[in-house]
N, C-alpha and C. Protein backbone atom coordinates (compact mmCIF):
# COMPACT_ATOMS: atom_id res chain seq x y z
N UNK A 1 0.98 -1.38 0.15
CA UNK A 1 -0.05 -0.20 -0.11
C UNK A 1 0.98 1.20 -0.25
N UNK A 2 0.91 1.99 -1.07
CA UNK A 2 1.42 3.48 -1.08
C UNK A 2 1.40 4.25 0.13
N UNK A 3 2.70 4.66 0.80
CA UNK A 3 2.81 5.26 1.74
C UNK A 3 1.88 6.91 1.49
N UNK A 4 1.02 7.43 2.79
CA UNK A 4 0.46 8.53 2.33
C UNK A 4 1.19 9.71 2.81
N UNK A 5 1.35 10.85 1.50
CA UNK A 5 1.83 12.16 2.25
C UNK A 5 1.11 12.94 2.50
N UNK A 6 0.95 13.73 3.51
CA UNK A 6 0.30 14.81 4.20
C UNK A 6 0.60 15.98 3.96
N UNK A 7 0.21 16.83 3.14
CA UNK A 7 0.84 18.17 2.80
C UNK A 7 0.17 19.10 4.14
N UNK A 8 1.04 19.77 4.77
CA UNK A 8 0.20 20.97 5.83
C UNK A 8 0.41 22.20 4.83
N UNK A 9 -0.07 22.85 4.35
CA UNK A 9 -0.28 24.30 4.01
C UNK A 9 -0.10 25.52 4.73
N UNK A 10 0.80 26.26 4.70
CA UNK A 10 0.84 27.56 5.90
C UNK A 10 0.98 28.77 5.18
N UNK A 11 -0.27 29.31 5.25
CA UNK A 11 -0.55 30.59 4.77
C UNK A 11 0.01 31.70 5.29
N UNK A 12 0.67 32.54 4.52
CA UNK A 12 1.32 33.72 5.19
C UNK A 12 0.99 35.15 4.38
N UNK A 13 0.85 35.70 5.38
CA UNK A 13 0.31 36.84 4.91
C UNK A 13 1.51 37.85 4.10
N UNK A 14 0.85 38.21 2.94
CA UNK A 14 2.20 38.99 2.21
C UNK A 14 2.13 40.49 2.50
N UNK A 15 3.45 40.76 2.76
CA UNK A 15 3.80 42.28 3.00
C UNK A 15 4.38 42.93 1.62
N UNK A 16 3.22 43.83 1.35
CA UNK A 16 3.43 44.77 0.26
C UNK A 16 4.57 45.88 0.82
N UNK A 17 5.80 45.78 -0.18
CA UNK A 17 6.49 46.98 0.42
C UNK A 17 6.14 48.43 -0.73
N UNK A 18 6.09 49.15 -0.44
CA UNK A 18 5.65 50.42 -1.44
C UNK A 18 7.12 51.02 -2.06
N UNK A 19 6.65 51.25 -3.16
CA UNK A 19 8.02 52.18 -3.72
C UNK A 19 7.80 53.36 -3.27
N UNK A 20 9.26 54.11 -3.66
CA UNK A 20 9.36 55.33 -2.92
C UNK A 20 8.15 56.33 -3.55
N UNK A 21 7.86 56.34 -4.34
CA UNK A 21 6.83 57.34 -5.45
C UNK A 21 5.60 57.12 -4.61
N UNK A 22 5.24 55.66 -4.27
CA UNK A 22 3.76 55.09 -3.64
C UNK A 22 4.11 55.71 -2.07
N UNK A 23 5.11 55.46 -1.58
CA UNK A 23 5.00 55.99 -0.11
C UNK A 23 5.33 57.92 0.22
N UNK A 24 5.65 58.34 -0.80
CA UNK A 24 5.53 59.91 -0.70
C UNK A 24 4.04 60.11 -1.29
N UNK A 25 3.25 59.70 -2.09
CA UNK A 25 2.05 59.56 -2.39
C UNK A 25 0.89 59.15 -1.16
N UNK A 26 1.23 58.32 -0.12
CA UNK A 26 0.81 58.11 0.99
C UNK A 26 1.10 59.00 2.02
N UNK A 27 1.98 59.75 2.01
CA UNK A 27 2.71 60.66 2.94
C UNK A 27 1.46 62.01 2.76
N UNK A 28 1.37 62.62 1.54
CA UNK A 28 0.68 63.48 1.25
C UNK A 28 -0.82 63.41 1.31
N UNK A 29 -1.22 62.00 1.29
CA UNK A 29 -2.61 61.90 1.42
C UNK A 29 -2.97 61.95 2.96
N UNK A 30 -2.19 60.94 3.51
CA UNK A 30 -2.31 61.03 5.02
C UNK A 30 -2.27 62.32 5.81
N UNK A 31 -1.57 63.04 5.23
CA UNK A 31 -1.24 64.62 5.99
C UNK A 31 -2.32 65.51 5.38
N UNK A 32 -3.03 65.17 4.27
CA UNK A 32 -4.31 65.37 3.69
C UNK A 32 -5.34 65.60 4.92
N UNK A 33 -5.55 64.21 5.32
CA UNK A 33 -6.37 63.74 6.02
C UNK A 33 -6.43 64.17 7.50
N UNK A 34 -5.10 64.29 8.00
CA UNK A 34 -4.86 64.44 9.23
C UNK A 34 -5.41 66.06 9.50
N UNK A 35 -5.07 66.78 8.44
CA UNK A 35 -5.12 68.53 8.39
C UNK A 35 -6.73 68.82 8.31
N UNK A 36 -7.16 68.15 7.25
CA UNK A 36 -8.75 68.57 7.06
C UNK A 36 -9.84 67.72 7.73
N UNK A 37 -8.88 66.40 8.21
CA UNK A 37 -10.39 65.70 9.00
C UNK A 37 -11.42 64.86 7.61
N UNK A 38 -11.18 65.38 6.71
CA UNK A 38 -11.52 64.15 6.31
C UNK A 38 -11.08 63.87 4.84
N UNK A 39 -11.41 62.74 4.36
CA UNK A 39 -10.27 62.51 3.23
C UNK A 39 -10.62 63.11 1.89
N UNK A 40 -9.85 63.39 0.77
CA UNK A 40 -9.87 64.15 -0.53
C UNK A 40 -10.57 63.63 -1.55
N UNK A 41 -11.35 64.19 -2.44
CA UNK A 41 -12.13 63.72 -3.50
C UNK A 41 -10.85 63.41 -4.81
N UNK A 42 -11.35 62.72 -5.37
CA UNK A 42 -9.94 62.20 -6.49
C UNK A 42 -9.90 63.63 -7.24
N UNK A 43 -10.52 64.39 -7.50
CA UNK A 43 -10.30 65.88 -8.13
C UNK A 43 -9.12 66.69 -6.95
N UNK A 44 -9.69 66.47 -5.65
CA UNK A 44 -8.82 67.31 -5.03
C UNK A 44 -7.24 66.58 -4.98
N UNK A 45 -7.30 65.41 -5.09
CA UNK A 45 -5.81 64.69 -5.38
C UNK A 45 -5.35 64.81 -6.60
N UNK A 46 -5.98 65.10 -7.47
CA UNK A 46 -5.35 65.59 -8.82
C UNK A 46 -4.60 66.65 -8.74
N UNK A 47 -5.14 68.05 -7.84
CA UNK A 47 -4.71 68.98 -7.79
C UNK A 47 -3.69 68.89 -6.68
N UNK A 48 -3.67 68.34 -5.79
CA UNK A 48 -2.84 68.05 -4.66
C UNK A 48 -1.54 67.56 -5.08
N UNK A 49 -1.80 66.51 -5.88
CA UNK A 49 -0.67 65.69 -6.04
C UNK A 49 0.03 66.33 -7.28
N UNK A 50 -0.49 67.21 -8.14
CA UNK A 50 0.02 67.65 -9.29
C UNK A 50 0.17 66.50 -10.63
N UNK A 51 -0.93 65.75 -10.32
CA UNK A 51 -1.12 64.95 -11.55
C UNK A 51 -1.70 64.93 -12.35
N UNK A 52 -1.82 64.45 -13.62
CA UNK A 52 -2.58 65.01 -14.79
C UNK A 52 -3.74 63.99 -15.07
N UNK A 53 -3.73 62.64 -14.49
CA UNK A 53 -4.30 61.49 -15.35
C UNK A 53 -5.18 61.17 -14.06
N UNK A 54 -6.57 60.83 -13.93
CA UNK A 54 -7.11 59.91 -12.78
C UNK A 54 -6.77 58.70 -13.10
N UNK A 55 -6.28 58.14 -13.84
CA UNK A 55 -5.57 56.87 -13.93
C UNK A 55 -4.53 56.72 -13.11
N UNK A 56 -3.71 57.38 -12.93
CA UNK A 56 -2.66 57.54 -11.95
C UNK A 56 -2.85 57.67 -10.73
N UNK A 57 -3.87 58.20 -10.22
CA UNK A 57 -4.43 58.28 -8.90
C UNK A 57 -4.86 56.78 -8.74
N UNK A 58 -5.49 55.87 -9.61
CA UNK A 58 -6.07 54.72 -9.07
C UNK A 58 -5.08 53.78 -9.07
N UNK A 59 -3.80 53.86 -9.86
CA UNK A 59 -2.56 53.21 -9.94
C UNK A 59 -2.28 53.24 -8.23
N UNK A 60 -2.00 54.38 -7.71
CA UNK A 60 -1.43 54.90 -6.62
C UNK A 60 -2.68 54.20 -5.76
N UNK A 61 -3.63 54.34 -5.55
CA UNK A 61 -4.43 54.21 -4.48
C UNK A 61 -4.73 52.31 -4.69
N UNK A 62 -4.60 51.75 -5.81
CA UNK A 62 -4.77 50.44 -5.74
C UNK A 62 -3.42 49.64 -5.48
N UNK A 63 -2.15 50.44 -5.19
CA UNK A 63 -1.10 49.88 -4.61
C UNK A 63 -1.32 50.01 -3.26
N UNK A 64 -1.68 51.14 -2.83
CA UNK A 64 -1.96 51.30 -1.09
C UNK A 64 -3.10 50.25 -0.70
N UNK A 65 -4.26 49.95 -1.45
CA UNK A 65 -5.20 49.11 -0.76
C UNK A 65 -4.64 47.60 -1.19
N UNK A 66 -4.07 47.44 -2.07
CA UNK A 66 -3.45 45.91 -2.18
C UNK A 66 -2.56 45.76 -0.76
N UNK A 67 -1.81 46.47 -0.31
CA UNK A 67 -0.75 46.63 0.89
C UNK A 67 -1.49 46.75 2.08
N UNK A 68 -2.50 46.78 2.19
CA UNK A 68 -3.52 47.16 3.32
C UNK A 68 -3.24 48.28 3.89
N UNK A 69 -2.90 49.41 3.26
CA UNK A 69 -2.67 50.49 4.00
C UNK A 69 -3.60 51.51 4.14
N UNK A 70 -4.63 51.47 3.12
CA UNK A 70 -6.07 52.18 3.12
C UNK A 70 -6.95 51.34 2.63
N UNK A 71 -8.11 51.75 2.85
CA UNK A 71 -9.37 50.99 2.38
C UNK A 71 -10.35 51.97 1.95
N UNK A 72 -10.86 51.48 0.82
CA UNK A 72 -11.93 52.50 -0.12
C UNK A 72 -13.29 52.05 0.30
N UNK A 73 -14.26 52.76 0.36
CA UNK A 73 -15.44 52.45 0.60
C UNK A 73 -16.54 53.20 -0.54
N UNK A 74 -17.49 53.52 -0.46
CA UNK A 74 -18.32 54.04 -1.40
C UNK A 74 -18.45 55.47 -1.10
N UNK A 75 -18.72 56.43 -2.40
CA UNK A 75 -19.12 57.89 -1.93
C UNK A 75 -17.52 58.46 -2.26
N UNK A 76 -17.58 59.64 -2.44
CA UNK A 76 -16.84 60.53 -3.04
C UNK A 76 -15.37 60.63 -2.02
N UNK A 77 -15.86 60.65 -0.66
CA UNK A 77 -14.32 60.85 0.43
C UNK A 77 -14.39 59.54 1.01
N UNK A 78 -13.95 58.71 0.22
CA UNK A 78 -13.89 57.17 0.62
C UNK A 78 -12.78 56.57 0.92
N UNK A 79 -11.78 57.34 1.53
CA UNK A 79 -10.53 56.65 1.76
C UNK A 79 -10.16 56.73 3.35
N UNK A 80 -10.15 55.28 3.37
CA UNK A 80 -9.70 55.40 5.22
C UNK A 80 -8.11 54.63 5.33
N UNK A 81 -7.57 55.53 6.15
CA UNK A 81 -5.89 55.05 6.73
C UNK A 81 -5.98 53.64 7.59
N UNK A 82 -5.55 52.63 7.18
CA UNK A 82 -5.20 51.70 7.87
C UNK A 82 -4.25 51.65 8.85
N UNK A 83 -3.15 51.95 8.16
CA UNK A 83 -1.89 51.47 8.80
C UNK A 83 -0.70 52.49 7.89
N UNK A 84 0.36 52.53 8.70
CA UNK A 84 1.40 53.63 8.01
C UNK A 84 2.83 52.43 7.17
N UNK A 85 3.51 52.76 6.40
CA UNK A 85 4.46 52.48 5.85
C UNK A 85 5.70 52.33 6.82
N UNK A 86 5.37 52.76 7.77
CA UNK A 86 6.52 52.94 8.93
C UNK A 86 6.31 52.30 10.13
N UNK A 87 5.12 51.76 10.22
CA UNK A 87 4.52 50.79 11.23
C UNK A 87 5.57 49.56 11.46
N UNK A 88 5.72 49.15 12.67
CA UNK A 88 6.83 48.26 13.24
C UNK A 88 8.41 48.63 12.48
N UNK A 89 8.61 49.85 12.76
CA UNK A 89 9.97 50.28 12.04
C UNK A 89 10.14 49.67 10.74
N UNK A 90 9.44 49.51 10.13
CA UNK A 90 9.97 48.96 8.58
C UNK A 90 10.80 50.29 7.82
N UNK A 91 10.69 51.28 7.93
CA UNK A 91 11.34 52.08 7.18
C UNK A 91 12.27 52.80 7.96
N UNK A 92 12.12 52.82 9.35
CA UNK A 92 13.03 53.42 10.46
C UNK A 92 12.28 54.78 10.50
N UNK A 93 12.92 55.82 11.48
CA UNK A 93 12.53 56.89 11.75
C UNK A 93 12.34 57.81 10.59
N UNK A 94 11.30 58.73 10.80
CA UNK A 94 10.88 59.89 9.83
C UNK A 94 11.08 61.11 10.45
N UNK A 95 11.28 62.23 9.50
CA UNK A 95 11.28 63.62 9.93
C UNK A 95 10.17 64.17 9.27
N UNK A 96 9.56 65.57 9.62
CA UNK A 96 8.78 66.11 8.88
C UNK A 96 9.25 67.17 8.15
N UNK A 97 9.17 67.26 6.66
CA UNK A 97 9.80 68.05 6.02
C UNK A 97 8.79 68.86 5.38
N UNK A 98 8.90 70.57 5.47
CA UNK A 98 7.93 71.07 4.87
C UNK A 98 7.95 71.44 3.34
N UNK A 99 7.03 71.72 2.79
CA UNK A 99 6.94 71.78 1.25
C UNK A 99 6.35 73.29 1.02
N UNK A 100 7.23 73.79 0.22
CA UNK A 100 7.20 75.36 -0.06
C UNK A 100 6.38 75.57 -1.28
N UNK A 101 5.49 76.72 -1.08
CA UNK A 101 4.97 77.20 -2.20
C UNK A 101 5.82 78.26 -3.17
N UNK A 102 5.49 78.74 -3.81
CA UNK A 102 6.21 79.99 -4.61
C UNK A 102 6.56 80.68 -3.61
N UNK A 103 8.06 81.32 -3.39
CA UNK A 103 8.43 82.19 -2.62
C UNK A 103 8.13 83.53 -2.93
N UNK A 104 7.48 84.26 -2.36
CA UNK A 104 7.27 85.95 -2.78
C UNK A 104 8.56 86.68 -2.76
N UNK A 105 8.52 87.69 -3.40
CA UNK A 105 10.01 88.52 -3.40
C UNK A 105 10.11 89.29 -2.26
N UNK A 106 11.43 89.06 -1.47
CA UNK A 106 11.40 89.71 -0.25
C UNK A 106 11.14 89.35 1.11
N UNK A 107 10.79 88.16 1.21
CA UNK A 107 10.25 87.51 2.22
C UNK A 107 11.29 86.15 2.55
N UNK A 108 11.73 85.72 3.84
CA UNK A 108 12.42 84.63 4.30
C UNK A 108 12.29 83.50 3.43
N UNK A 109 13.14 82.54 2.97
CA UNK A 109 12.74 81.38 2.09
C UNK A 109 11.84 80.55 2.78
N UNK A 110 12.19 80.14 3.98
CA UNK A 110 11.39 79.45 5.16
C UNK A 110 10.25 80.10 5.63
N UNK A 111 9.81 80.90 5.48
CA UNK A 111 8.77 81.75 6.23
C UNK A 111 7.29 81.12 6.48
N UNK A 112 6.80 81.27 7.48
CA UNK A 112 5.50 80.54 7.56
C UNK A 112 4.72 80.30 6.31
N UNK A 113 4.43 81.58 5.66
CA UNK A 113 3.50 81.99 4.26
C UNK A 113 3.70 81.13 3.53
N UNK A 114 5.06 80.58 3.25
CA UNK A 114 5.42 79.65 1.99
C UNK A 114 5.28 78.51 2.27
N UNK A 115 4.87 78.05 3.47
CA UNK A 115 4.80 76.46 3.61
C UNK A 115 3.22 75.94 3.24
N UNK A 116 3.42 75.16 2.37
CA UNK A 116 1.80 74.41 2.03
C UNK A 116 1.44 73.64 3.07
N UNK A 117 2.42 72.41 3.14
CA UNK A 117 2.14 71.46 3.91
C UNK A 117 3.70 70.81 4.63
N UNK A 118 3.45 69.80 5.62
CA UNK A 118 4.78 68.62 5.53
C UNK A 118 4.51 67.44 5.31
N UNK A 119 5.33 66.96 4.77
CA UNK A 119 5.58 65.33 4.59
C UNK A 119 6.60 64.73 5.22
N UNK A 120 6.29 63.43 5.53
CA UNK A 120 7.32 62.76 6.19
C UNK A 120 8.28 61.84 5.63
N UNK A 121 9.57 61.86 5.80
CA UNK A 121 10.27 61.47 4.76
C UNK A 121 11.05 60.78 5.70
N UNK A 122 11.94 59.64 5.18
CA UNK A 122 12.75 58.76 6.26
C UNK A 122 13.93 59.35 6.38
N UNK A 123 14.52 59.29 7.58
CA UNK A 123 15.74 59.57 8.29
C UNK A 123 16.87 58.89 7.41
N UNK A 124 16.86 57.83 6.58
CA UNK A 124 17.47 57.16 5.53
C UNK A 124 17.85 57.92 4.16
N UNK A 125 16.61 58.92 4.29
CA UNK A 125 16.86 60.02 2.97
C UNK A 125 17.28 61.42 3.16
N UNK A 126 16.48 61.52 4.36
CA UNK A 126 16.70 63.06 5.01
C UNK A 126 17.48 63.06 6.18
N UNK A 127 18.78 62.66 5.75
CA UNK A 127 19.62 62.28 7.19
C UNK A 127 20.18 63.65 7.99
N UNK A 128 19.73 63.43 9.45
CA UNK A 128 20.22 64.20 10.01
C UNK A 128 21.91 64.38 10.47
N UNK A 129 22.17 65.27 10.99
CA UNK A 129 21.61 66.79 11.47
C UNK A 129 21.09 67.79 10.57
N UNK A 130 21.28 67.22 9.55
CA UNK A 130 20.43 68.49 8.15
C UNK A 130 19.19 68.68 8.30
N UNK A 131 18.85 70.32 8.14
CA UNK A 131 17.40 70.32 7.85
C UNK A 131 17.23 70.27 6.41
N UNK A 132 16.14 70.07 6.21
CA UNK A 132 15.48 69.88 4.62
C UNK A 132 14.14 70.87 4.14
N UNK A 133 14.06 70.93 3.21
CA UNK A 133 12.52 71.31 2.39
C UNK A 133 12.62 70.64 1.22
N UNK A 134 11.06 70.90 0.94
CA UNK A 134 10.98 70.50 -0.48
C UNK A 134 10.12 71.80 -1.41
N UNK A 135 10.50 71.77 -2.60
CA UNK A 135 10.27 72.66 -3.49
C UNK A 135 9.23 71.92 -4.82
N UNK A 136 8.48 72.27 -5.19
CA UNK A 136 7.67 71.79 -6.21
C UNK A 136 8.08 72.27 -7.78
N UNK A 137 8.49 71.49 -8.57
CA UNK A 137 9.68 72.06 -9.60
C UNK A 137 8.63 72.74 -10.63
N UNK A 138 9.02 73.66 -11.10
CA UNK A 138 7.92 74.53 -12.21
C UNK A 138 9.25 74.68 -13.46
N UNK A 139 8.42 74.14 -14.67
CA UNK A 139 9.31 74.18 -16.12
C UNK A 139 9.86 72.84 -16.37
N UNK A 140 10.96 73.18 -17.37
CA UNK A 140 11.60 71.71 -17.81
C UNK A 140 13.18 71.85 -17.72
N UNK A 141 13.39 73.24 -17.03
CA UNK A 141 14.97 73.43 -17.44
C UNK A 141 16.09 72.13 -16.99
N UNK A 142 15.62 71.49 -15.98
CA UNK A 142 16.15 70.28 -15.24
C UNK A 142 16.00 68.85 -15.62
N UNK A 143 15.06 68.64 -16.62
CA UNK A 143 14.31 67.14 -16.95
C UNK A 143 15.40 66.34 -17.43
N UNK A 144 16.58 66.47 -17.73
CA UNK A 144 17.44 65.71 -18.12
C UNK A 144 18.05 64.95 -16.66
N UNK A 145 18.21 66.17 -15.64
CA UNK A 145 18.77 65.54 -13.98
C UNK A 145 17.46 64.52 -13.74
N UNK A 146 16.30 64.67 -14.44
CA UNK A 146 15.04 63.58 -13.51
C UNK A 146 14.36 64.49 -12.88
N UNK A 147 14.35 66.04 -13.07
CA UNK A 147 13.74 66.99 -12.37
C UNK A 147 12.39 67.38 -13.26
N UNK A 148 11.22 66.90 -13.38
CA UNK A 148 10.08 67.51 -14.33
C UNK A 148 9.11 68.57 -13.53
N UNK A 149 8.47 68.88 -14.18
CA UNK A 149 7.25 69.51 -14.14
C UNK A 149 6.37 68.99 -13.23
N UNK A 150 6.40 69.80 -11.89
CA UNK A 150 5.67 69.18 -10.85
C UNK A 150 5.96 68.55 -9.78
N UNK A 151 7.27 67.83 -10.32
CA UNK A 151 7.78 66.90 -9.41
C UNK A 151 8.08 67.77 -7.80
N UNK A 152 8.33 66.93 -6.97
CA UNK A 152 8.74 67.49 -5.47
C UNK A 152 9.95 67.22 -5.42
N UNK A 153 11.03 68.04 -5.23
CA UNK A 153 12.37 68.17 -5.06
C UNK A 153 12.69 68.43 -3.65
N UNK A 154 13.43 67.14 -3.03
CA UNK A 154 14.07 67.50 -1.68
C UNK A 154 15.06 68.14 -1.63
N UNK A 155 15.32 69.23 -0.93
CA UNK A 155 16.62 69.72 -0.82
C UNK A 155 16.97 69.78 0.65
N UNK A 156 18.52 69.89 0.78
CA UNK A 156 19.19 69.82 2.06
C UNK A 156 19.45 71.44 2.28
N UNK A 157 19.09 71.66 3.19
CA UNK A 157 19.33 73.26 3.28
C UNK A 157 20.75 73.52 3.72
N UNK A 158 21.54 74.53 2.98
CA UNK A 158 22.70 74.59 3.28
C UNK A 158 23.40 75.82 2.60
N UNK A 159 24.08 76.63 2.77
CA UNK A 159 24.66 77.99 2.33
C UNK A 159 25.79 78.10 1.29
N UNK A 160 26.54 76.47 1.15
CA UNK A 160 27.81 76.38 0.23
C UNK A 160 27.18 75.11 -0.35
N UNK A 161 28.22 75.15 -1.53
CA UNK A 161 28.05 74.02 -2.21
C UNK A 161 29.16 73.88 -3.22
N UNK A 162 29.51 72.31 -3.94
CA UNK A 162 30.60 72.28 -4.61
C UNK A 162 30.35 72.18 -5.97
N UNK A 163 31.41 72.35 -7.09
CA UNK A 163 31.29 72.36 -8.35
C UNK A 163 30.55 71.15 -8.75
N UNK A 164 29.53 71.49 -9.40
CA UNK A 164 28.75 70.30 -10.30
C UNK A 164 27.51 69.56 -9.39
N UNK A 165 27.38 70.44 -7.93
CA UNK A 165 26.22 70.22 -7.67
C UNK A 165 25.06 70.93 -8.01
N UNK A 166 23.85 70.25 -8.01
CA UNK A 166 22.42 70.86 -8.15
C UNK A 166 22.15 71.61 -6.93
N UNK A 167 21.52 72.79 -7.22
CA UNK A 167 21.52 73.71 -6.28
C UNK A 167 20.16 74.22 -6.36
N UNK A 168 19.72 75.06 -5.29
CA UNK A 168 18.63 75.98 -4.95
C UNK A 168 19.17 77.56 -4.70
N UNK A 169 19.28 78.10 -5.97
CA UNK A 169 19.96 79.44 -5.77
C UNK A 169 18.92 80.28 -5.71
N UNK A 170 19.05 81.65 -4.91
CA UNK A 170 18.27 82.86 -5.02
C UNK A 170 19.08 83.77 -5.61
N UNK A 171 18.28 84.73 -6.80
CA UNK A 171 18.93 85.51 -7.38
C UNK A 171 17.71 86.59 -7.69
N UNK A 172 18.05 87.50 -7.29
CA UNK A 172 17.28 88.72 -6.95
C UNK A 172 15.55 88.45 -6.18
N UNK A 173 15.89 87.91 -5.13
CA UNK A 173 14.67 87.29 -4.37
C UNK A 173 13.87 86.13 -5.07
N UNK A 174 14.24 85.44 -6.42
CA UNK A 174 13.81 84.51 -7.13
C UNK A 174 14.58 83.20 -7.03
N UNK A 175 13.80 81.81 -6.69
CA UNK A 175 14.61 80.59 -6.58
C UNK A 175 14.43 80.06 -7.92
N UNK A 176 15.77 79.32 -8.23
CA UNK A 176 15.98 78.43 -9.47
C UNK A 176 16.71 77.42 -9.07
N UNK A 177 16.35 76.31 -9.77
CA UNK A 177 17.07 75.08 -9.63
C UNK A 177 18.33 74.66 -10.77
N UNK A 178 19.40 74.83 -10.31
CA UNK A 178 20.46 74.60 -11.67
C UNK A 178 21.44 73.67 -11.27
N UNK A 179 22.24 73.55 -11.89
CA UNK A 179 23.46 72.54 -11.88
C UNK A 179 24.79 73.98 -11.63
N UNK A 180 25.72 73.98 -10.49
CA UNK A 180 26.37 74.92 -10.22
C UNK A 180 27.83 74.67 -10.76
N UNK A 181 28.33 75.60 -11.62
CA UNK A 181 29.46 75.56 -12.30
C UNK A 181 30.34 76.66 -11.79
N UNK A 182 31.52 76.28 -11.34
CA UNK A 182 32.38 77.48 -10.52
C UNK A 182 33.91 77.57 -11.47
N UNK A 183 33.91 78.66 -11.95
CA UNK A 183 35.11 78.79 -13.14
C UNK A 183 36.11 79.60 -12.78
N UNK A 184 37.31 80.07 -13.20
CA UNK A 184 38.17 80.89 -12.74
C UNK A 184 37.78 82.01 -12.05
N UNK A 185 37.15 82.72 -13.12
CA UNK A 185 36.65 84.26 -12.96
C UNK A 185 35.07 84.42 -13.22
N UNK A 186 34.42 83.63 -13.05
CA UNK A 186 32.95 83.54 -12.73
C UNK A 186 32.22 82.20 -12.69
N UNK A 187 31.24 82.45 -12.20
CA UNK A 187 30.20 81.19 -11.86
C UNK A 187 29.00 81.28 -12.94
N UNK A 188 28.71 79.79 -12.97
CA UNK A 188 27.06 79.89 -14.04
C UNK A 188 26.22 78.78 -13.43
N UNK A 189 24.95 79.01 -13.51
CA UNK A 189 24.11 78.10 -12.93
C UNK A 189 23.67 77.65 -14.04
N UNK A 190 23.74 76.11 -14.58
CA UNK A 190 23.63 75.57 -15.94
C UNK A 190 22.33 74.69 -16.01
N UNK A 191 21.34 75.07 -16.78
CA UNK A 191 20.26 73.73 -17.00
C UNK A 191 20.71 72.39 -17.65
N UNK A 192 20.09 71.62 -17.03
CA UNK A 192 20.18 69.92 -18.19
C UNK A 192 19.05 69.74 -18.68
N UNK A 193 18.49 70.24 -19.81
CA UNK A 193 17.16 69.97 -20.59
C UNK A 193 17.41 69.72 -21.75
N UNK A 194 16.45 69.21 -22.32
CA UNK A 194 16.16 68.71 -23.64
C UNK A 194 15.55 69.69 -24.44
N UNK A 195 15.01 70.85 -23.76
CA UNK A 195 14.70 72.12 -24.17
C UNK A 195 15.77 73.02 -24.58
N UNK A 196 15.96 73.33 -25.97
CA UNK A 196 17.12 74.38 -26.27
C UNK A 196 16.96 75.91 -25.65
N UNK A 197 15.82 76.11 -25.34
CA UNK A 197 15.46 77.54 -25.12
C UNK A 197 16.02 77.89 -23.75
N UNK A 198 16.73 76.78 -22.97
CA UNK A 198 17.38 77.17 -21.69
C UNK A 198 18.66 77.57 -21.87
N UNK A 199 19.24 78.40 -21.52
CA UNK A 199 20.60 78.97 -21.42
C UNK A 199 21.49 78.83 -20.09
N UNK A 200 22.64 78.67 -19.84
CA UNK A 200 23.27 79.06 -18.67
C UNK A 200 23.16 80.50 -18.01
N UNK A 201 22.95 80.59 -16.88
CA UNK A 201 22.87 81.91 -16.14
C UNK A 201 24.25 82.29 -15.53
N UNK A 202 25.07 83.05 -16.17
CA UNK A 202 26.56 83.84 -15.74
C UNK A 202 26.10 84.94 -14.48
N UNK A 203 26.34 84.50 -13.40
CA UNK A 203 26.36 85.30 -12.47
C UNK A 203 27.20 86.62 -12.55
N UNK A 204 26.60 87.41 -12.86
CA UNK A 204 27.07 88.92 -12.88
C UNK A 204 26.82 89.73 -11.28
N UNK A 205 25.70 89.54 -10.47
CA UNK A 205 25.28 90.19 -9.22
C UNK A 205 25.00 89.13 -8.35
N UNK A 206 24.72 89.48 -7.05
CA UNK A 206 24.54 88.79 -6.02
C UNK A 206 23.75 87.57 -6.03
N UNK A 207 24.10 86.48 -5.54
CA UNK A 207 23.12 85.28 -5.23
C UNK A 207 23.39 84.43 -4.09
N UNK A 208 22.26 83.68 -3.58
CA UNK A 208 22.42 83.06 -2.36
C UNK A 208 22.10 81.31 -2.45
N UNK A 209 22.77 80.78 -2.50
CA UNK A 209 22.59 79.18 -2.18
C UNK A 209 21.76 78.98 -1.17
N UNK A 210 20.63 78.31 -1.30
CA UNK A 210 19.85 77.99 -0.12
C UNK A 210 19.99 76.63 0.03
N UNK A 211 20.26 75.28 -1.03
CA UNK A 211 20.23 74.31 -0.66
C UNK A 211 20.85 73.33 -1.88
N UNK A 212 21.17 72.04 -1.31
CA UNK A 212 21.74 71.19 -2.34
C UNK A 212 20.12 70.07 -2.63
N UNK A 213 20.24 69.87 -3.83
CA UNK A 213 19.16 68.79 -4.13
C UNK A 213 19.69 67.47 -3.78
N UNK A 214 18.59 66.70 -2.92
CA UNK A 214 18.93 65.80 -2.54
C UNK A 214 18.26 64.50 -3.56
N UNK A 215 17.10 64.42 -4.06
CA UNK A 215 16.38 63.79 -4.81
C UNK A 215 15.24 64.40 -5.52
N UNK A 216 14.71 63.78 -6.58
CA UNK A 216 13.68 64.69 -7.19
C UNK A 216 12.30 63.11 -7.10
N UNK A 217 11.05 63.72 -6.59
CA UNK A 217 10.29 62.73 -6.11
C UNK A 217 9.17 62.76 -7.27
N UNK A 218 9.33 62.43 -8.43
CA UNK A 218 8.58 62.41 -9.75
C UNK A 218 7.17 61.73 -9.63
N UNK A 219 6.23 62.55 -10.13
CA UNK A 219 4.79 62.40 -10.13
C UNK A 219 4.30 62.77 -9.25
N UNK A 220 5.00 63.40 -8.18
CA UNK A 220 3.85 64.17 -7.01
C UNK A 220 4.13 65.41 -7.00
């Protein structure tokens, strides 16, 4: 009589780790719910995230729901936060980083009126003891460096930079993101773009470095 083989099946809960972009989407979504006390509608998410297509929202929300980070129900404001990607120290400690709006002329760069919201960022990226801020990119002058229109750009706050660093520079009270080039007799801020209309800025007047670009958070 042939032997009997008994198979014991152990069902394991699949833990879905979010990508960097999905994690950043979750952070902005969760911050909105904490601030407004209600979930955003899809139209509000489009505006808040700087996304262009409802399909992009669906892809992000599907990933969050599959990982059981959120649950969606019926109605326009139907998103419920179930857990954070940082639960059980899965992503380590985080810090709150301010997202800056357009910087008005003559006001301090990190003035309260410039801050749109704050986003939780892992300390593996926003490494202490440095301070950080986030800008929303405008235009395509640095698209070859992976910084596109509407991207959130994480910046380490500092007043100095090395040759070749991508910096946030303040020229006549207006901020710009460019690559710093140090020459013997002058300094230039260079674009890195597929658009030929962008030219290097030869600095013949005072400017201030506000920080060094750490990374671009695309599609947010």
